Every structure is written in structure tokens, then in C-alpha cells.
Amino acid sequence: MNIVITGVTRGLGRALAEWYIAHGHTVAGCGRSGPAIFDFRFTHAEPHSFDAVDVTLPVKVSLWSERVLGAMGAPDILINNAGLINAPAPLWKVPAEEFGKVVAVNLSGVANVIRAFAPAMIERGRGVIVNMSSGWGRSVSADVAPYCATKWAIEGLTKALAQELPKGMAAVPLNPGVIDTDMLRTCFSESASGYPKAEEWAKRAGPFILGLGPADNGRSASVDGFGE
């Protein structure tokens, strides 16, 4: 399968990209870290492709999608994984600029990527769009209100998108569960080390995502075994 993944330079995105490549799939990924993207290019040659792209910039996303679509065609699976969390604090203490960055990456970035890739998938008549949600997209916690807001929005955005897609396609909000990543350590500090690593998660999440299809359209899904 041809798979597009955002936020591949670390955490879940990197683990997924590595798992899919190891199992014979073609991956096109993007991330904001130039050195990490260079590493991917060095270790994974064509037909895989990796680019430094800021998903909050629609023009950059559009140019990236043109390159990817020209090389591999419409993806079978599009995974919107790029995400950002605020430094834990009560909402009224979160600076407006920080709040805006979380919204820009977690919500506007997802819309930018869908806008760039969905038309080609729709024209082909098949494909699955997976938007990474969170346990905090279905519940809430103190000090991460901006992040919760964006993930609740992802649930609604994805379910609305599911009603707009033609038959044969699917849009799925996916709660990955609790995994030891840099993002989790922002909230849980050293206690995050008690949770599974991203590489372990990818062994279950990778095939789970491959199994998603039209029957899952609009369904809030979770990767089993990595619950809250």
C-alpha cells in the first residue's frame, strides 16, 4: 500500500513509518525537523519519500502533495499524525500565541493536509483518512484545555468528513492510546516511562490501521491494549 504520514520525525509517526516500510509498504512522510528528515532519506531510499514540511502552511502542504501524488499517486491511507500539546497550565495562563500554535498544528494542519490529498483519493474512489485523536478527544483533563479542544474538534471534523466522502472511502478518528513519547512526557514527566514505547505500539497500530475500511467510516476507533 501507499501510505502518507505527517509528523514522521519522532514518536508515533516515526514508529509507524518504520513499521510500514519494514513490512513492504511505500511511505511518504513529512515533519518539521530537517535533520530527522535527512536521516529518513538516507536510510530509506525511493520509492519512499520524506520532506520537511510545516503542515500549518497550506502553500507548503500543497507543493508537498503535488510531489507525492506525482510520484506515487493517491495514497491508500492518509494518516494525519502531526500534533502539538501545550505546556501544562490552566487555560487562563496559556499564552495566546501558544494556544494558537496548538490549534494551527492539530486542527488547521489536518484540514490543510486533507485539502491537499483528499481530491485525488476521491477521484480514485477509495482510500482511508485517519486523523489522530486522543483519549483527551473523548474526555478531558486539567491543564491541557487547548489540546483537549483540538482533539474534540478532530472527532467532530472527522465524523463530518465521513458524511461527505463518497461510498467506498472512510474517515476515522483514531485514539492511539497512552504511549511513552516526548508529548506524553510533557504531561506525565518521568512517569511516562511506565507506558509502552512507540515501537511496541506500532506493532499493533500498524496492522490495525491497515484493516480499516469503508465499514469504519465515521467510527471513533482506538488501538486496543493502549487505553487510558
C-alpha atoms as a PDB file:
ATOM      1  CA  MET A   1       0.000   0.000   0.000  1.00  0.00           C
ATOM      2  CA  ASN A   2       0.956   3.639  -0.470  1.00  0.00           C
ATOM      3  CA  ILE A   3       0.765   5.470   2.858  1.00  0.00           C
ATOM      4  CA  VAL A   4       1.164   9.176   3.633  1.00  0.00           C
ATOM      5  CA  ILE A   5       2.016  10.134   7.220  1.00  0.00           C
ATOM      6  CA  THR A   6       2.531  13.577   8.753  1.00  0.00           C
ATOM      7  CA  GLY A   7       4.750  14.116  11.771  1.00  0.00           C
ATOM      8  CA  VAL A   8       7.169  11.276  10.957  1.00  0.00           C
ATOM      9  CA  THR A   9      10.264  12.699  12.628  1.00  0.00           C
ATOM     10  CA  ARG A  10       9.533  11.328  16.096  1.00  0.00           C
ATOM     11  CA  GLY A  11       7.114   9.450  18.307  1.00  0.00           C
ATOM     12  CA  LEU A  12       4.171   7.602  16.831  1.00  0.00           C
ATOM     13  CA  GLY A  13       4.681   8.916  13.309  1.00  0.00           C
ATOM     14  CA  ARG A  14       8.266   7.707  13.139  1.00  0.00           C
ATOM     15  CA  ALA A  15       7.362   4.324  14.619  1.00  0.00           C
ATOM     16  CA  LEU A  16       4.513   3.869  12.129  1.00  0.00           C
ATOM     17  CA  ALA A  17       6.662   4.875   9.162  1.00  0.00           C
ATOM     18  CA  GLU A  18       9.393   2.437  10.166  1.00  0.00           C
ATOM     19  CA  TRP A  19       6.882  -0.385  10.694  1.00  0.00           C
ATOM     20  CA  TYR A  20       5.175   0.132   7.342  1.00  0.00           C
ATOM     21  CA  ILE A  21       8.460   0.307   5.452  1.00  0.00           C
ATOM     22  CA  ALA A  22       9.693  -2.851   7.187  1.00  0.00           C
ATOM     23  CA  HIS A  23       6.533  -4.641   6.067  1.00  0.00           C
ATOM     24  CA  GLY A  24       6.782  -3.746   2.406  1.00  0.00           C
ATOM     25  CA  HIS A  25       4.610  -0.647   2.125  1.00  0.00           C
ATOM     26  CA  THR A  26       5.614   2.618   0.444  1.00  0.00           C
ATOM     27  CA  VAL A  27       5.669   5.631   2.759  1.00  0.00           C
ATOM     28  CA  ALA A  28       5.688   9.345   2.005  1.00  0.00           C
ATOM     29  CA  GLY A  29       6.163  11.380   5.154  1.00  0.00           C
ATOM     30  CA  CYS A  30       6.725  14.886   6.357  1.00  0.00           C
ATOM     31  CA  GLY A  31       7.918  16.572   9.520  1.00  0.00           C
ATOM     32  CA  ARG A  32       9.325  19.869  10.704  1.00  0.00           C
ATOM     33  CA  SER A  33      12.779  18.594  11.672  1.00  0.00           C
ATOM     34  CA  GLY A  34      15.167  18.904   8.741  1.00  0.00           C
ATOM     35  CA  PRO A  35      17.914  16.695  10.244  1.00  0.00           C
ATOM     36  CA  ALA A  36      15.439  13.918  11.045  1.00  0.00           C
ATOM     37  CA  ILE A  37      14.034  14.088   7.512  1.00  0.00           C
ATOM     38  CA  PHE A  38      17.573  13.832   6.144  1.00  0.00           C
ATOM     39  CA  ASP A  39      18.084  10.698   8.247  1.00  0.00           C
ATOM     40  CA  PHE A  40      14.943   9.153   6.762  1.00  0.00           C
ATOM     41  CA  ARG A  41      16.100   9.943   3.235  1.00  0.00           C
ATOM     42  CA  PHE A  42      19.481   8.389   3.985  1.00  0.00           C
ATOM     43  CA  THR A  43      18.106   5.177   5.451  1.00  0.00           C
ATOM     44  CA  HIS A  44      15.032   4.756   3.210  1.00  0.00           C
ATOM     45  CA  ALA A  45      15.587   5.391  -0.480  1.00  0.00           C
ATOM     46  CA  GLU A  46      12.960   5.689  -3.198  1.00  0.00           C
ATOM     47  CA  PRO A  47      10.168   4.809  -3.678  1.00  0.00           C
ATOM     48  CA  HIS A  48       9.819   6.192  -0.133  1.00  0.00           C
ATOM     49  CA  SER A  49       9.984   9.957   0.181  1.00  0.00           C
ATOM     50  CA  PHE A  50      10.381  12.349   3.093  1.00  0.00           C
ATOM     51  CA  ASP A  51      10.150  16.129   3.151  1.00  0.00           C
ATOM     52  CA  ALA A  52      10.482  18.920   5.686  1.00  0.00           C
ATOM     53  CA  VAL A  53       7.021  20.485   5.726  1.00  0.00           C
ATOM     54  CA  ASP A  54       5.158  22.660   8.219  1.00  0.00           C
ATOM     55  CA  VAL A  55       1.548  21.465   7.991  1.00  0.00           C
ATOM     56  CA  THR A  56       0.278  24.851   9.208  1.00  0.00           C
ATOM     57  CA  LEU A  57       1.363  26.431   5.902  1.00  0.00           C
ATOM     58  CA  PRO A  58      -1.187  25.499   3.209  1.00  0.00           C
ATOM     59  CA  VAL A  59       1.011  26.533   0.275  1.00  0.00           C
ATOM     60  CA  LYS A  60       3.884  24.331   1.521  1.00  0.00           C
ATOM     61  CA  VAL A  61       1.485  21.427   2.084  1.00  0.00           C
ATOM     62  CA  SER A  62       0.081  21.848  -1.428  1.00  0.00           C
ATOM     63  CA  LEU A  63       3.536  21.787  -3.010  1.00  0.00           C
ATOM     64  CA  TRP A  64       4.432  18.688  -0.985  1.00  0.00           C
ATOM     65  CA  SER A  65       1.247  16.895  -2.019  1.00  0.00           C
ATOM     66  CA  GLU A  66       1.916  17.650  -5.685  1.00  0.00           C
ATOM     67  CA  ARG A  67       5.315  15.961  -5.414  1.00  0.00           C
ATOM     68  CA  VAL A  68       3.901  12.956  -3.571  1.00  0.00           C
ATOM     69  CA  LEU A  69       0.890  12.499  -5.835  1.00  0.00           C
ATOM     70  CA  GLY A  70       3.081  12.811  -8.898  1.00  0.00           C
ATOM     71  CA  ALA A  71       5.397  10.084  -7.634  1.00  0.00           C
ATOM     72  CA  MET A  72       3.054   7.566  -6.018  1.00  0.00           C
ATOM     73  CA  GLY A  73      -0.460   8.590  -6.951  1.00  0.00           C
ATOM     74  CA  ALA A  74      -3.304   8.904  -4.479  1.00  0.00           C
ATOM     75  CA  PRO A  75      -2.473   7.270  -1.141  1.00  0.00           C
ATOM     76  CA  ASP A  76      -4.355   4.220   0.037  1.00  0.00           C
ATOM     77  CA  ILE A  77      -4.090   5.558   3.589  1.00  0.00           C
ATOM     78  CA  LEU A  78      -3.556   9.140   4.745  1.00  0.00           C
ATOM     79  CA  ILE A  79      -2.554   9.456   8.402  1.00  0.00           C
ATOM     80  CA  ASN A  80      -2.742  12.910   9.974  1.00  0.00           C
ATOM     81  CA  ASN A  81      -0.402  12.334  12.892  1.00  0.00           C
ATOM     82  CA  ALA A  82       1.410  15.673  13.352  1.00  0.00           C
ATOM     83  CA  GLY A  83       0.464  17.119  16.725  1.00  0.00           C
ATOM     84  CA  LEU A  84       1.413  19.609  19.398  1.00  0.00           C
ATOM     85  CA  ILE A  85       0.487  19.900  23.076  1.00  0.00           C
ATOM     86  CA  ASN A  86       0.573  22.954  25.297  1.00  0.00           C
ATOM     87  CA  ALA A  87       2.843  23.235  28.311  1.00  0.00           C
ATOM     88  CA  PRO A  88       0.536  22.111  31.150  1.00  0.00           C
ATOM     89  CA  ALA A  89      -1.201  25.118  32.717  1.00  0.00           C
ATOM     90  CA  PRO A  90      -4.711  26.385  33.500  1.00  0.00           C
ATOM     91  CA  LEU A  91      -6.344  27.770  30.380  1.00  0.00           C
ATOM     92  CA  TRP A  92      -6.126  31.387  31.519  1.00  0.00           C
ATOM     93  CA  LYS A  93      -2.377  31.030  31.926  1.00  0.00           C
ATOM     94  CA  VAL A  94      -1.754  29.605  28.452  1.00  0.00           C
ATOM     95  CA  PRO A  95      -0.388  32.442  26.269  1.00  0.00           C
ATOM     96  CA  ALA A  96      -2.500  33.297  23.232  1.00  0.00           C
ATOM     97  CA  GLU A  97       0.434  32.554  20.932  1.00  0.00           C
ATOM     98  CA  GLU A  98       0.861  29.062  22.381  1.00  0.00           C
ATOM     99  CA  PHE A  99      -2.870  28.375  22.171  1.00  0.00           C
ATOM    100  CA  GLY A 100      -2.814  29.460  18.534  1.00  0.00           C
ATOM    101  CA  LYS A 101       0.097  27.146  17.690  1.00  0.00           C
ATOM    102  CA  VAL A 102      -1.705  24.129  19.151  1.00  0.00           C
ATOM    103  CA  VAL A 103      -4.819  24.916  17.112  1.00  0.00           C
ATOM    104  CA  ALA A 104      -2.772  25.606  13.981  1.00  0.00           C
ATOM    105  CA  VAL A 105      -0.975  22.248  14.057  1.00  0.00           C
ATOM    106  CA  ASN A 106      -3.655  19.965  15.486  1.00  0.00           C
ATOM    107  CA  LEU A 107      -6.654  21.311  13.604  1.00  0.00           C
ATOM    108  CA  SER A 108      -5.757  23.651  10.738  1.00  0.00           C
ATOM    109  CA  GLY A 109      -2.817  21.420   9.802  1.00  0.00           C
ATOM    110  CA  VAL A 110      -5.112  18.425   9.473  1.00  0.00           C
ATOM    111  CA  ALA A 111      -7.503  20.393   7.266  1.00  0.00           C
ATOM    112  CA  ASN A 112      -4.599  21.586   5.102  1.00  0.00           C
ATOM    113  CA  VAL A 113      -3.402  18.038   4.500  1.00  0.00           C
ATOM    114  CA  ILE A 114      -6.899  16.733   3.771  1.00  0.00           C
ATOM    115  CA  ARG A 115      -7.474  19.580   1.342  1.00  0.00           C
ATOM    116  CA  ALA A 116      -4.265  18.641  -0.461  1.00  0.00           C
ATOM    117  CA  PHE A 117      -4.730  14.868  -0.708  1.00  0.00           C
ATOM    118  CA  ALA A 118      -8.459  14.088  -0.488  1.00  0.00           C
ATOM    119  CA  PRO A 119      -9.409  15.182  -4.038  1.00  0.00           C
ATOM    120  CA  ALA A 120      -7.039  12.633  -5.596  1.00  0.00           C
ATOM    121  CA  MET A 121      -8.346   9.908  -3.271  1.00  0.00           C
ATOM    122  CA  ILE A 122     -11.944  10.838  -4.073  1.00  0.00           C
ATOM    123  CA  GLU A 123     -11.232  10.823  -7.816  1.00  0.00           C
ATOM    124  CA  ARG A 124      -9.829   7.305  -7.497  1.00  0.00           C
ATOM    125  CA  GLY A 125     -12.844   6.292  -5.409  1.00  0.00           C
ATOM    126  CA  ARG A 126     -11.119   4.639  -2.481  1.00  0.00           C
ATOM    127  CA  GLY A 127      -8.852   5.305   0.465  1.00  0.00           C
ATOM    128  CA  VAL A 128      -8.874   5.787   4.226  1.00  0.00           C
ATOM    129  CA  ILE A 129      -8.163   9.050   6.050  1.00  0.00           C
ATOM    130  CA  VAL A 130      -7.041   8.520   9.644  1.00  0.00           C
ATOM    131  CA  ASN A 131      -6.958  11.594  11.871  1.00  0.00           C
ATOM    132  CA  MET A 132      -5.132  11.042  15.139  1.00  0.00           C
ATOM    133  CA  SER A 133      -7.420  11.877  18.038  1.00  0.00           C
ATOM    134  CA  SER A 134      -6.715  11.175  21.705  1.00  0.00           C
ATOM    135  CA  GLY A 135      -8.259   9.934  24.897  1.00  0.00           C
ATOM    136  CA  TRP A 136      -8.445  13.673  25.558  1.00  0.00           C
ATOM    137  CA  GLY A 137     -10.593  13.997  22.462  1.00  0.00           C
ATOM    138  CA  ARG A 138     -13.279  11.968  24.234  1.00  0.00           C
ATOM    139  CA  SER A 139     -12.613  13.062  27.823  1.00  0.00           C
ATOM    140  CA  VAL A 140     -10.800  15.986  29.445  1.00  0.00           C
ATOM    141  CA  SER A 141      -8.095  16.753  31.974  1.00  0.00           C
ATOM    142  CA  ALA A 142      -6.933  19.863  33.768  1.00  0.00           C
ATOM    143  CA  ASP A 143      -4.074  21.932  32.348  1.00  0.00           C
ATOM    144  CA  VAL A 144      -4.367  20.675  28.771  1.00  0.00           C
ATOM    145  CA  ALA A 145      -7.511  22.514  27.686  1.00  0.00           C
ATOM    146  CA  PRO A 146      -6.050  23.697  24.336  1.00  0.00           C
ATOM    147  CA  TYR A 147      -5.013  20.176  23.410  1.00  0.00           C
ATOM    148  CA  CYS A 148      -8.366  18.727  24.532  1.00  0.00           C
ATOM    149  CA  ALA A 149     -10.204  21.347  22.475  1.00  0.00           C
ATOM    150  CA  THR A 150      -8.340  20.444  19.307  1.00  0.00           C
ATOM    151  CA  LYS A 151      -8.788  16.715  19.727  1.00  0.00           C
ATOM    152  CA  TRP A 152     -12.503  17.063  20.441  1.00  0.00           C
ATOM    153  CA  ALA A 153     -12.592  19.152  17.256  1.00  0.00           C
ATOM    154  CA  ILE A 154     -10.789  16.388  15.356  1.00  0.00           C
ATOM    155  CA  GLU A 155     -13.518  13.963  16.392  1.00  0.00           C
ATOM    156  CA  GLY A 156     -16.208  16.288  15.020  1.00  0.00           C
ATOM    157  CA  LEU A 157     -14.268  17.252  11.900  1.00  0.00           C
ATOM    158  CA  THR A 158     -13.610  13.622  11.024  1.00  0.00           C
ATOM    159  CA  LYS A 159     -17.181  12.492  11.577  1.00  0.00           C
ATOM    160  CA  ALA A 160     -18.451  15.347   9.391  1.00  0.00           C
ATOM    161  CA  LEU A 161     -15.867  14.480   6.720  1.00  0.00           C
ATOM    162  CA  ALA A 162     -17.086  10.884   6.852  1.00  0.00           C
ATOM    163  CA  GLN A 163     -20.534  12.050   5.752  1.00  0.00           C
ATOM    164  CA  GLU A 164     -19.024  13.978   2.846  1.00  0.00           C
ATOM    165  CA  LEU A 165     -16.853  11.230   1.390  1.00  0.00           C
ATOM    166  CA  PRO A 166     -18.185   9.032  -1.400  1.00  0.00           C
ATOM    167  CA  LYS A 167     -19.099   5.409  -0.820  1.00  0.00           C
ATOM    168  CA  GLY A 168     -16.029   3.204  -0.702  1.00  0.00           C
ATOM    169  CA  MET A 169     -13.923   5.602   1.364  1.00  0.00           C
ATOM    170  CA  ALA A 170     -13.554   6.180   5.092  1.00  0.00           C
ATOM    171  CA  ALA A 171     -12.560   8.866   7.561  1.00  0.00           C
ATOM    172  CA  VAL A 172     -11.694   7.609  11.044  1.00  0.00           C
ATOM    173  CA  PRO A 173     -10.710   9.476  14.232  1.00  0.00           C
ATOM    174  CA  LEU A 174      -8.207   7.222  15.973  1.00  0.00           C
ATOM    175  CA  ASN A 175      -7.267   7.306  19.645  1.00  0.00           C
ATOM    176  CA  PRO A 176      -3.763   5.802  19.729  1.00  0.00           C
ATOM    177  CA  GLY A 177      -3.831   5.260  23.489  1.00  0.00           C
ATOM    178  CA  VAL A 178      -1.160   6.187  26.033  1.00  0.00           C
ATOM    179  CA  ILE A 179       2.380   5.688  24.762  1.00  0.00           C
ATOM    180  CA  ASP A 180       5.752   6.834  26.064  1.00  0.00           C
ATOM    181  CA  THR A 181       6.556   9.731  23.728  1.00  0.00           C
ATOM    182  CA  ASP A 182       8.027  13.203  24.107  1.00  0.00           C
ATOM    183  CA  MET A 183       4.487  14.561  24.099  1.00  0.00           C
ATOM    184  CA  LEU A 184       3.400  12.313  26.961  1.00  0.00           C
ATOM    185  CA  ARG A 185       6.482  13.274  28.948  1.00  0.00           C
ATOM    186  CA  THR A 186       5.374  16.898  28.661  1.00  0.00           C
ATOM    187  CA  CYS A 187       2.404  15.975  30.835  1.00  0.00           C
ATOM    188  CA  PHE A 188       3.480  12.896  32.778  1.00  0.00           C
ATOM    189  CA  SER A 189       7.195  13.669  33.252  1.00  0.00           C
ATOM    190  CA  GLU A 190       9.239  10.588  34.167  1.00  0.00           C
ATOM    191  CA  SER A 191       6.134   8.506  34.908  1.00  0.00           C
ATOM    192  CA  ALA A 192       5.644   8.332  31.131  1.00  0.00           C
ATOM    193  CA  SER A 193       8.399   5.720  31.070  1.00  0.00           C
ATOM    194  CA  GLY A 194       5.975   3.237  32.590  1.00  0.00           C
ATOM    195  CA  TYR A 195       3.902   3.183  29.399  1.00  0.00           C
ATOM    196  CA  PRO A 196       4.642   1.205  26.226  1.00  0.00           C
ATOM    197  CA  LYS A 197       7.185   2.564  23.748  1.00  0.00           C
ATOM    198  CA  ALA A 198       6.150   3.831  20.321  1.00  0.00           C
ATOM    199  CA  GLU A 199       7.846   0.905  18.577  1.00  0.00           C
ATOM    200  CA  GLU A 200       5.805  -1.593  20.595  1.00  0.00           C
ATOM    201  CA  TRP A 201       2.637   0.384  19.840  1.00  0.00           C
ATOM    202  CA  ALA A 202       3.336   0.395  16.100  1.00  0.00           C
ATOM    203  CA  LYS A 203       3.390  -3.413  16.030  1.00  0.00           C
ATOM    204  CA  ARG A 204      -0.313  -3.361  16.867  1.00  0.00           C
ATOM    205  CA  ALA A 205      -1.325   0.009  15.418  1.00  0.00           C
ATOM    206  CA  GLY A 206       0.275  -0.636  12.030  1.00  0.00           C
ATOM    207  CA  PRO A 207      -1.865  -3.656  11.107  1.00  0.00           C
ATOM    208  CA  PHE A 208      -4.901  -2.160  12.871  1.00  0.00           C
ATOM    209  CA  ILE A 209      -4.831   0.875  10.570  1.00  0.00           C
ATOM    210  CA  LEU A 210      -4.295  -1.346   7.527  1.00  0.00           C
ATOM    211  CA  GLY A 211      -7.508  -3.141   8.469  1.00  0.00           C
ATOM    212  CA  LEU A 212      -9.653  -0.001   8.475  1.00  0.00           C
ATOM    213  CA  GLY A 213     -12.081   0.355   5.592  1.00  0.00           C
ATOM    214  CA  PRO A 214     -15.457   1.708   4.453  1.00  0.00           C
ATOM    215  CA  ALA A 215     -17.264  -0.164   7.232  1.00  0.00           C
ATOM    216  CA  ASP A 216     -15.371   2.001   9.743  1.00  0.00           C
ATOM    217  CA  ASN A 217     -16.320   5.318   8.152  1.00  0.00           C
ATOM    218  CA  GLY A 218     -17.116   7.864  10.869  1.00  0.00           C
ATOM    219  CA  ARG A 219     -16.455   5.436  13.712  1.00  0.00           C
ATOM    220  CA  SER A 220     -14.359   6.604  16.662  1.00  0.00           C
ATOM    221  CA  ALA A 221     -11.676   3.933  16.840  1.00  0.00           C
ATOM    222  CA  SER A 222      -8.986   3.061  19.394  1.00  0.00           C
ATOM    223  CA  VAL A 223      -5.884   0.907  19.258  1.00  0.00           C
ATOM    224  CA  ASP A 224      -6.664  -1.944  21.665  1.00  0.00           C
ATOM    225  CA  GLY A 225      -4.290  -2.565  24.507  1.00  0.00           C
ATOM    226  CA  PHE A 226      -3.085   1.015  24.902  1.00  0.00           C
ATOM    227  CA  GLY A 227      -6.049   2.501  26.777  1.00  0.00           C
ATOM    228  CA  GLU A 228      -6.167   5.382  29.223  1.00  0.00           C
END
